[in-house]
Amino acid sequence: MVFAVVAVAAFSIFQHILDARARANAKECLTVASQSGLYRAESCVTGMNGNVVYYVGRLYDAHRGVLLARTDFDSMDGGLPEFMPDESAVIFRRGEGNGSGTGFIDIPPNWLERLHAKIP
């Protein structure tokens, strides 16, 4: 039993390190500013698997350049960020028609989204 717990924990840590490295080496970034100019959203490619592209979505304070929140998502159609008209959230598009819905970050970000921004 202890061995299984240690093995699962080790695998989880290893996977997190791989994901953090992919986020750090993200490329092909798309950046959009909010209408008010208060926020900047960015999505960057972190990897691919066939037709599915993996992205990291980030929300920044536009004036200070501080990372406010982060989310990981996948897409078949591109990851262009889009702010809601009332700036209550930023939406990161996922693949259309594949049932995966959309990824988003609340504005202001919730505690989990802010935590993701702090952890590599």
C-alpha atoms as a PDB file:
ATOM      1  CA  MET A   1       0.000   0.000   0.000  1.00  0.00           C
ATOM      2  CA  VAL A   2       2.771   2.458   0.946  1.00  0.00           C
ATOM      3  CA  PHE A   3       4.644   1.598  -2.239  1.00  0.00           C
ATOM      4  CA  ALA A   4       1.561   2.411  -4.336  1.00  0.00           C
ATOM      5  CA  VAL A   5       1.123   5.796  -2.630  1.00  0.00           C
ATOM      6  CA  VAL A   6       4.809   6.634  -3.130  1.00  0.00           C
ATOM      7  CA  ALA A   7       4.649   5.540  -6.784  1.00  0.00           C
ATOM      8  CA  VAL A   8       1.563   7.680  -7.473  1.00  0.00           C
ATOM      9  CA  ALA A   9       3.123  10.689  -5.711  1.00  0.00           C
ATOM     10  CA  ALA A  10       6.384  10.281  -7.646  1.00  0.00           C
ATOM     11  CA  PHE A  11       4.520  10.019 -10.955  1.00  0.00           C
ATOM     12  CA  SER A  12       2.448  13.125 -10.121  1.00  0.00           C
ATOM     13  CA  ILE A  13       5.554  15.142  -9.276  1.00  0.00           C
ATOM     14  CA  PHE A  14       7.298  13.964 -12.445  1.00  0.00           C
ATOM     15  CA  GLN A  15       4.264  14.893 -14.572  1.00  0.00           C
ATOM     16  CA  HIS A  16       4.063  18.333 -12.939  1.00  0.00           C
ATOM     17  CA  ILE A  17       7.745  18.961 -13.720  1.00  0.00           C
ATOM     18  CA  LEU A  18       7.220  17.989 -17.367  1.00  0.00           C
ATOM     19  CA  ASP A  19       4.151  20.254 -17.614  1.00  0.00           C
ATOM     20  CA  ALA A  20       6.019  23.160 -15.975  1.00  0.00           C
ATOM     21  CA  ARG A  21       8.883  22.792 -18.461  1.00  0.00           C
ATOM     22  CA  ALA A  22       6.407  22.777 -21.370  1.00  0.00           C
ATOM     23  CA  ARG A  23       4.758  25.961 -20.039  1.00  0.00           C
ATOM     24  CA  ALA A  24       8.159  27.628 -19.594  1.00  0.00           C
ATOM     25  CA  ASN A  25       9.088  26.784 -23.205  1.00  0.00           C
ATOM     26  CA  ALA A  26       5.693  27.742 -24.684  1.00  0.00           C
ATOM     27  CA  LYS A  27       5.774  29.284 -28.155  1.00  0.00           C
ATOM     28  CA  GLU A  28       3.515  30.761 -30.838  1.00  0.00           C
ATOM     29  CA  CYS A  29       1.828  33.097 -28.353  1.00  0.00           C
ATOM     30  CA  LEU A  30      -1.361  35.003 -29.188  1.00  0.00           C
ATOM     31  CA  THR A  31      -1.998  38.136 -27.110  1.00  0.00           C
ATOM     32  CA  VAL A  32      -5.210  40.165 -26.764  1.00  0.00           C
ATOM     33  CA  ALA A  33      -5.839  43.281 -24.659  1.00  0.00           C
ATOM     34  CA  SER A  34      -9.152  43.893 -22.908  1.00  0.00           C
ATOM     35  CA  GLN A  35     -11.335  46.769 -24.152  1.00  0.00           C
ATOM     36  CA  SER A  36     -10.686  48.734 -20.966  1.00  0.00           C
ATOM     37  CA  GLY A  37      -6.937  48.196 -21.280  1.00  0.00           C
ATOM     38  CA  LEU A  38      -6.728  46.816 -17.726  1.00  0.00           C
ATOM     39  CA  TYR A  39      -5.916  43.232 -18.694  1.00  0.00           C
ATOM     40  CA  ARG A  40      -3.908  41.304 -21.252  1.00  0.00           C
ATOM     41  CA  ALA A  41      -4.617  37.662 -22.103  1.00  0.00           C
ATOM     42  CA  GLU A  42      -2.136  35.356 -23.772  1.00  0.00           C
ATOM     43  CA  SER A  43      -2.301  31.799 -25.025  1.00  0.00           C
ATOM     44  CA  CYS A  44       0.825  29.901 -26.034  1.00  0.00           C
ATOM     45  CA  VAL A  45       1.397  26.457 -27.527  1.00  0.00           C
ATOM     46  CA  THR A  46       2.981  23.989 -25.104  1.00  0.00           C
ATOM     47  CA  GLY A  47       2.780  20.826 -27.216  1.00  0.00           C
ATOM     48  CA  MET A  48       0.905  18.767 -29.798  1.00  0.00           C
ATOM     49  CA  ASN A  49      -0.572  15.295 -30.144  1.00  0.00           C
ATOM     50  CA  GLY A  50      -1.902  14.699 -33.637  1.00  0.00           C
ATOM     51  CA  ASN A  51      -4.546  17.363 -34.375  1.00  0.00           C
ATOM     52  CA  VAL A  52      -4.813  18.405 -30.725  1.00  0.00           C
ATOM     53  CA  VAL A  53      -2.685  21.374 -29.647  1.00  0.00           C
ATOM     54  CA  TYR A  54      -1.991  21.971 -25.957  1.00  0.00           C
ATOM     55  CA  TYR A  55      -1.920  25.555 -24.665  1.00  0.00           C
ATOM     56  CA  VAL A  56      -1.276  27.589 -21.564  1.00  0.00           C
ATOM     57  CA  GLY A  57      -3.602  30.573 -21.098  1.00  0.00           C
ATOM     58  CA  ARG A  58      -2.423  33.484 -18.970  1.00  0.00           C
ATOM     59  CA  LEU A  59      -4.091  36.635 -17.662  1.00  0.00           C
ATOM     60  CA  TYR A  60      -1.902  39.655 -16.860  1.00  0.00           C
ATOM     61  CA  ASP A  61      -2.421  43.049 -15.279  1.00  0.00           C
ATOM     62  CA  ALA A  62      -1.728  45.189 -18.365  1.00  0.00           C
ATOM     63  CA  HIS A  63      -0.211  48.116 -16.483  1.00  0.00           C
ATOM     64  CA  ARG A  64       2.134  46.253 -14.120  1.00  0.00           C
ATOM     65  CA  GLY A  65       2.722  43.162 -16.271  1.00  0.00           C
ATOM     66  CA  VAL A  66       1.972  40.912 -13.285  1.00  0.00           C
ATOM     67  CA  LEU A  67       0.685  37.407 -14.001  1.00  0.00           C
ATOM     68  CA  LEU A  68      -2.736  37.144 -12.339  1.00  0.00           C
ATOM     69  CA  ALA A  69      -3.911  33.676 -13.383  1.00  0.00           C
ATOM     70  CA  ARG A  70      -3.059  30.667 -15.535  1.00  0.00           C
ATOM     71  CA  THR A  71      -4.993  27.787 -17.067  1.00  0.00           C
ATOM     72  CA  ASP A  72      -4.017  24.860 -19.287  1.00  0.00           C
ATOM     73  CA  PHE A  73      -6.272  23.758 -22.132  1.00  0.00           C
ATOM     74  CA  ASP A  74      -6.278  21.909 -25.445  1.00  0.00           C
ATOM     75  CA  SER A  75      -7.726  22.880 -28.795  1.00  0.00           C
ATOM     76  CA  MET A  76      -8.170  21.656 -32.327  1.00  0.00           C
ATOM     77  CA  ASP A  77      -9.140  25.109 -33.656  1.00  0.00           C
ATOM     78  CA  GLY A  78      -6.668  27.502 -32.038  1.00  0.00           C
ATOM     79  CA  GLY A  79      -6.419  29.127 -28.656  1.00  0.00           C
ATOM     80  CA  LEU A  80      -7.222  32.787 -29.311  1.00  0.00           C
ATOM     81  CA  PRO A  81      -8.204  34.507 -26.041  1.00  0.00           C
ATOM     82  CA  GLU A  82     -11.456  36.483 -26.009  1.00  0.00           C
ATOM     83  CA  PHE A  83     -12.677  38.801 -23.258  1.00  0.00           C
ATOM     84  CA  MET A  84     -16.355  38.769 -22.302  1.00  0.00           C
ATOM     85  CA  PRO A  85     -17.983  42.123 -23.205  1.00  0.00           C
ATOM     86  CA  ASP A  86     -18.339  43.015 -19.495  1.00  0.00           C
ATOM     87  CA  GLU A  87     -14.773  41.783 -18.786  1.00  0.00           C
ATOM     88  CA  SER A  88     -16.043  39.268 -16.221  1.00  0.00           C
ATOM     89  CA  ALA A  89     -13.886  36.524 -17.758  1.00  0.00           C
ATOM     90  CA  VAL A  90     -11.469  35.703 -20.528  1.00  0.00           C
ATOM     91  CA  ILE A  91     -12.352  32.690 -22.674  1.00  0.00           C
ATOM     92  CA  PHE A  92      -9.813  30.468 -24.367  1.00  0.00           C
ATOM     93  CA  ARG A  93     -11.370  28.672 -27.324  1.00  0.00           C
ATOM     94  CA  ARG A  94     -11.217  24.917 -27.473  1.00  0.00           C
ATOM     95  CA  GLY A  95     -11.972  22.611 -30.361  1.00  0.00           C
ATOM     96  CA  GLU A  96     -15.395  23.219 -31.841  1.00  0.00           C
ATOM     97  CA  GLY A  97     -17.706  20.256 -32.127  1.00  0.00           C
ATOM     98  CA  ASN A  98     -15.656  17.877 -30.000  1.00  0.00           C
ATOM     99  CA  GLY A  99     -17.644  18.396 -26.803  1.00  0.00           C
ATOM    100  CA  SER A 100     -14.771  19.903 -24.859  1.00  0.00           C
ATOM    101  CA  GLY A 101     -16.438  23.295 -24.230  1.00  0.00           C
ATOM    102  CA  THR A 102     -14.294  26.300 -23.418  1.00  0.00           C
ATOM    103  CA  GLY A 103     -11.600  27.160 -20.921  1.00  0.00           C
ATOM    104  CA  PHE A 104     -11.840  30.443 -19.074  1.00  0.00           C
ATOM    105  CA  ILE A 105     -10.391  32.571 -16.308  1.00  0.00           C
ATOM    106  CA  ASP A 106     -12.697  34.653 -14.115  1.00  0.00           C
ATOM    107  CA  ILE A 107     -12.010  38.370 -13.675  1.00  0.00           C
ATOM    108  CA  PRO A 108     -11.043  38.896 -10.967  1.00  0.00           C
ATOM    109  CA  PRO A 109      -9.450  35.434 -10.852  1.00  0.00           C
ATOM    110  CA  ASN A 110     -10.637  32.984  -8.209  1.00  0.00           C
ATOM    111  CA  TRP A 111      -8.214  31.587  -5.622  1.00  0.00           C
ATOM    112  CA  LEU A 112      -7.381  28.464  -7.644  1.00  0.00           C
ATOM    113  CA  GLU A 113      -6.588  30.457 -10.793  1.00  0.00           C
ATOM    114  CA  ARG A 114      -4.339  32.785  -8.744  1.00  0.00           C
ATOM    115  CA  LEU A 115      -2.633  29.745  -7.185  1.00  0.00           C
ATOM    116  CA  HIS A 116      -1.908  28.295 -10.634  1.00  0.00           C
ATOM    117  CA  ALA A 117      -0.171  31.573 -11.495  1.00  0.00           C
ATOM    118  CA  LYS A 118       2.147  31.231  -8.475  1.00  0.00           C
ATOM    119  CA  ILE A 119       3.135  27.605  -9.050  1.00  0.00           C
ATOM    120  CA  PRO A 120       5.355  27.000 -12.113  1.00  0.00           C
END
